[in-house]
Amino acid sequence: MKNVKIPLIIAALSAVSFGSFAQSITATASTLDDAEAKIAQQARDEGAQYKITESYAGNQVHMTARLIK
C-alpha cells in the first residue's frame, strides 16, 4: 500500500508546483519611481500583485519583479 501512495503523492505535488510558478517581469527607466511605475502597470495589466526582487541603478534603473496571482 505504501508503494502505491508514494507515486500518487509525488504526482499530486508535481501538479501543484507546476501550476504555481511565478512570472518575472522587468522594466528599465531613468529613475526608481519610473521603473516601479512600469512594473506596477505590467502587474495591473496581468491582474496580479508584484514583489520587486532586484533593482540595479547605473546609467538607467533596471528592475525585476515577480508577479503574484
N, C-alpha and C. Protein backbone atom coordinates (compact mmCIF):
# COMPACT_ATOMS: atom_id res chain seq x y z
N MET A 1 0.83 -1.19 0.00
CA MET A 1 0.00 0.00 0.00
C MET A 1 0.87 1.25 0.00
N LYS A 2 1.98 1.21 0.75
CA LYS A 2 2.88 2.36 0.81
C LYS A 2 3.48 2.64 -0.56
N ASN A 3 3.76 1.58 -1.33
CA ASN A 3 4.33 1.75 -2.67
C ASN A 3 3.35 2.42 -3.62
N VAL A 4 2.07 2.31 -3.38
CA VAL A 4 1.06 2.94 -4.22
C VAL A 4 0.89 4.41 -3.83
N LYS A 5 0.96 4.72 -2.55
CA LYS A 5 0.74 6.08 -2.08
C LYS A 5 1.86 7.03 -2.49
N ILE A 6 3.08 6.58 -2.46
CA ILE A 6 4.22 7.46 -2.76
C ILE A 6 4.14 8.03 -4.17
N PRO A 7 3.93 7.21 -5.23
CA PRO A 7 3.81 7.82 -6.57
C PRO A 7 2.62 8.77 -6.70
N LEU A 8 1.52 8.47 -6.01
CA LEU A 8 0.36 9.36 -6.07
C LEU A 8 0.67 10.70 -5.40
N ILE A 9 1.36 10.67 -4.28
CA ILE A 9 1.74 11.90 -3.59
C ILE A 9 2.70 12.72 -4.45
N ILE A 10 3.68 12.05 -5.05
CA ILE A 10 4.64 12.75 -5.92
C ILE A 10 3.92 13.39 -7.10
N ALA A 11 2.99 12.68 -7.71
CA ALA A 11 2.24 13.22 -8.84
C ALA A 11 1.42 14.43 -8.44
N ALA A 12 0.79 14.36 -7.27
CA ALA A 12 -0.03 15.49 -6.80
C ALA A 12 0.83 16.70 -6.51
N LEU A 13 1.95 16.51 -5.84
CA LEU A 13 2.83 17.64 -5.54
C LEU A 13 3.44 18.23 -6.79
N SER A 14 3.74 17.41 -7.78
CA SER A 14 4.28 17.92 -9.04
C SER A 14 3.27 18.79 -9.75
N ALA A 15 2.03 18.38 -9.76
CA ALA A 15 0.98 19.16 -10.41
C ALA A 15 0.80 20.51 -9.73
N VAL A 16 0.87 20.54 -8.42
CA VAL A 16 0.72 21.79 -7.67
C VAL A 16 1.89 22.71 -7.95
N SER A 17 3.10 22.20 -7.93
CA SER A 17 4.26 23.06 -8.11
C SER A 17 4.33 23.63 -9.53
N PHE A 18 3.92 22.86 -10.54
CA PHE A 18 3.94 23.38 -11.90
C PHE A 18 2.91 24.48 -12.08
N GLY A 19 1.81 24.43 -11.39
CA GLY A 19 0.78 25.43 -11.51
C GLY A 19 1.08 26.71 -10.75
N SER A 20 2.06 26.68 -9.87
CA SER A 20 2.30 27.85 -9.03
C SER A 20 3.59 28.61 -9.38
N PHE A 21 4.16 28.36 -10.56
CA PHE A 21 5.35 29.10 -10.95
C PHE A 21 5.00 30.57 -11.12
N ALA A 22 5.85 31.43 -10.59
CA ALA A 22 5.61 32.86 -10.68
C ALA A 22 6.25 33.39 -11.96
N GLN A 23 5.64 34.40 -12.52
CA GLN A 23 6.14 35.04 -13.72
C GLN A 23 7.01 36.22 -13.32
N SER A 24 8.14 36.38 -13.98
CA SER A 24 9.01 37.53 -13.73
C SER A 24 8.79 38.57 -14.81
N ILE A 25 8.85 39.83 -14.39
CA ILE A 25 8.74 40.94 -15.34
C ILE A 25 9.89 41.90 -15.07
N THR A 26 10.26 42.67 -16.08
CA THR A 26 11.35 43.64 -15.93
C THR A 26 10.93 44.98 -16.51
N ALA A 27 11.61 46.01 -16.05
CA ALA A 27 11.38 47.36 -16.57
C ALA A 27 12.69 48.14 -16.48
N THR A 28 12.87 49.06 -17.40
CA THR A 28 14.03 49.94 -17.42
C THR A 28 13.53 51.38 -17.52
N ALA A 29 14.10 52.25 -16.68
CA ALA A 29 13.70 53.66 -16.69
C ALA A 29 14.85 54.51 -16.15
N SER A 30 14.64 55.80 -16.12
CA SER A 30 15.70 56.70 -15.67
C SER A 30 15.71 56.88 -14.15
N THR A 31 14.59 56.59 -13.46
CA THR A 31 14.54 56.71 -12.00
C THR A 31 13.89 55.47 -11.41
N LEU A 32 14.10 55.27 -10.10
CA LEU A 32 13.46 54.15 -9.40
C LEU A 32 11.94 54.25 -9.46
N ASP A 33 11.42 55.46 -9.27
CA ASP A 33 9.96 55.65 -9.29
C ASP A 33 9.37 55.30 -10.65
N ASP A 34 10.05 55.72 -11.71
CA ASP A 34 9.55 55.41 -13.06
C ASP A 34 9.61 53.92 -13.34
N ALA A 35 10.67 53.25 -12.92
CA ALA A 35 10.78 51.81 -13.13
C ALA A 35 9.69 51.07 -12.36
N GLU A 36 9.46 51.49 -11.11
CA GLU A 36 8.42 50.83 -10.33
C GLU A 36 7.04 51.11 -10.92
N ALA A 37 6.82 52.28 -11.45
CA ALA A 37 5.54 52.59 -12.09
C ALA A 37 5.30 51.67 -13.29
N LYS A 38 6.36 51.38 -14.05
CA LYS A 38 6.23 50.46 -15.19
C LYS A 38 5.92 49.05 -14.71
N ILE A 39 6.59 48.63 -13.63
CA ILE A 39 6.33 47.30 -13.06
C ILE A 39 4.88 47.23 -12.58
N ALA A 40 4.42 48.26 -11.88
CA ALA A 40 3.06 48.29 -11.36
C ALA A 40 2.04 48.22 -12.50
N GLN A 41 2.30 48.91 -13.59
CA GLN A 41 1.39 48.88 -14.74
C GLN A 41 1.33 47.48 -15.37
N GLN A 42 2.48 46.85 -15.51
CA GLN A 42 2.51 45.49 -16.06
C GLN A 42 1.73 44.53 -15.15
N ALA A 43 1.89 44.70 -13.84
CA ALA A 43 1.17 43.85 -12.89
C ALA A 43 -0.34 44.09 -13.00
N ARG A 44 -0.76 45.34 -13.10
CA ARG A 44 -2.19 45.65 -13.27
C ARG A 44 -2.73 45.02 -14.54
N ASP A 45 -1.95 45.10 -15.62
CA ASP A 45 -2.38 44.51 -16.89
C ASP A 45 -2.59 43.01 -16.77
N GLU A 46 -1.79 42.36 -15.93
CA GLU A 46 -1.90 40.91 -15.73
C GLU A 46 -2.91 40.56 -14.63
N GLY A 47 -3.43 41.56 -13.93
CA GLY A 47 -4.37 41.32 -12.84
C GLY A 47 -3.69 40.67 -11.64
N ALA A 48 -2.47 41.12 -11.35
CA ALA A 48 -1.69 40.50 -10.27
C ALA A 48 -1.04 41.57 -9.41
N GLN A 49 -0.54 41.13 -8.27
CA GLN A 49 0.29 41.98 -7.43
C GLN A 49 1.73 41.68 -7.79
N TYR A 50 2.67 42.44 -7.24
CA TYR A 50 4.07 42.21 -7.58
C TYR A 50 4.95 42.37 -6.36
N LYS A 51 6.11 41.75 -6.45
CA LYS A 51 7.14 41.89 -5.42
C LYS A 51 8.45 42.13 -6.15
N ILE A 52 9.10 43.26 -5.85
CA ILE A 52 10.37 43.58 -6.50
C ILE A 52 11.44 42.66 -5.96
N THR A 53 12.15 42.01 -6.86
CA THR A 53 13.18 41.05 -6.46
C THR A 53 14.59 41.56 -6.73
N GLU A 54 14.71 42.55 -7.63
CA GLU A 54 16.04 43.04 -7.98
C GLU A 54 15.92 44.44 -8.55
N SER A 55 16.90 45.26 -8.24
CA SER A 55 16.96 46.60 -8.81
C SER A 55 18.42 46.99 -8.97
N TYR A 56 18.77 47.52 -10.13
CA TYR A 56 20.13 47.92 -10.39
C TYR A 56 20.11 49.33 -10.98
N ALA A 57 20.91 50.22 -10.40
CA ALA A 57 20.98 51.60 -10.90
C ALA A 57 22.38 51.85 -11.42
N GLY A 58 22.47 52.09 -12.70
CA GLY A 58 23.70 52.51 -13.36
C GLY A 58 23.37 53.80 -14.09
N ASN A 59 23.55 53.79 -15.40
CA ASN A 59 23.08 54.93 -16.20
C ASN A 59 21.56 54.98 -16.21
N GLN A 60 20.95 53.82 -16.12
CA GLN A 60 19.50 53.70 -16.01
C GLN A 60 19.18 52.72 -14.89
N VAL A 61 17.93 52.69 -14.49
CA VAL A 61 17.48 51.75 -13.46
C VAL A 61 16.88 50.54 -14.17
N HIS A 62 17.33 49.36 -13.78
CA HIS A 62 16.77 48.11 -14.28
C HIS A 62 16.14 47.42 -13.08
N MET A 63 14.86 47.05 -13.21
CA MET A 63 14.13 46.47 -12.09
C MET A 63 13.47 45.17 -12.53
N THR A 64 13.52 44.17 -11.67
CA THR A 64 12.87 42.90 -11.91
C THR A 64 11.90 42.63 -10.77
N ALA A 65 10.75 42.09 -11.11
CA ALA A 65 9.74 41.79 -10.10
C ALA A 65 9.10 40.45 -10.41
N ARG A 66 8.50 39.86 -9.39
CA ARG A 66 7.78 38.60 -9.54
C ARG A 66 6.29 38.89 -9.39
N LEU A 67 5.49 38.43 -10.33
CA LEU A 67 4.05 38.62 -10.24
C LEU A 67 3.46 37.58 -9.29
N ILE A 68 2.51 38.02 -8.49
CA ILE A 68 1.84 37.15 -7.53
C ILE A 68 0.35 37.17 -7.86
N LYS A 69 -0.17 36.04 -8.28
CA LYS A 69 -1.60 35.97 -8.65
C LYS A 69 -2.41 35.35 -7.58
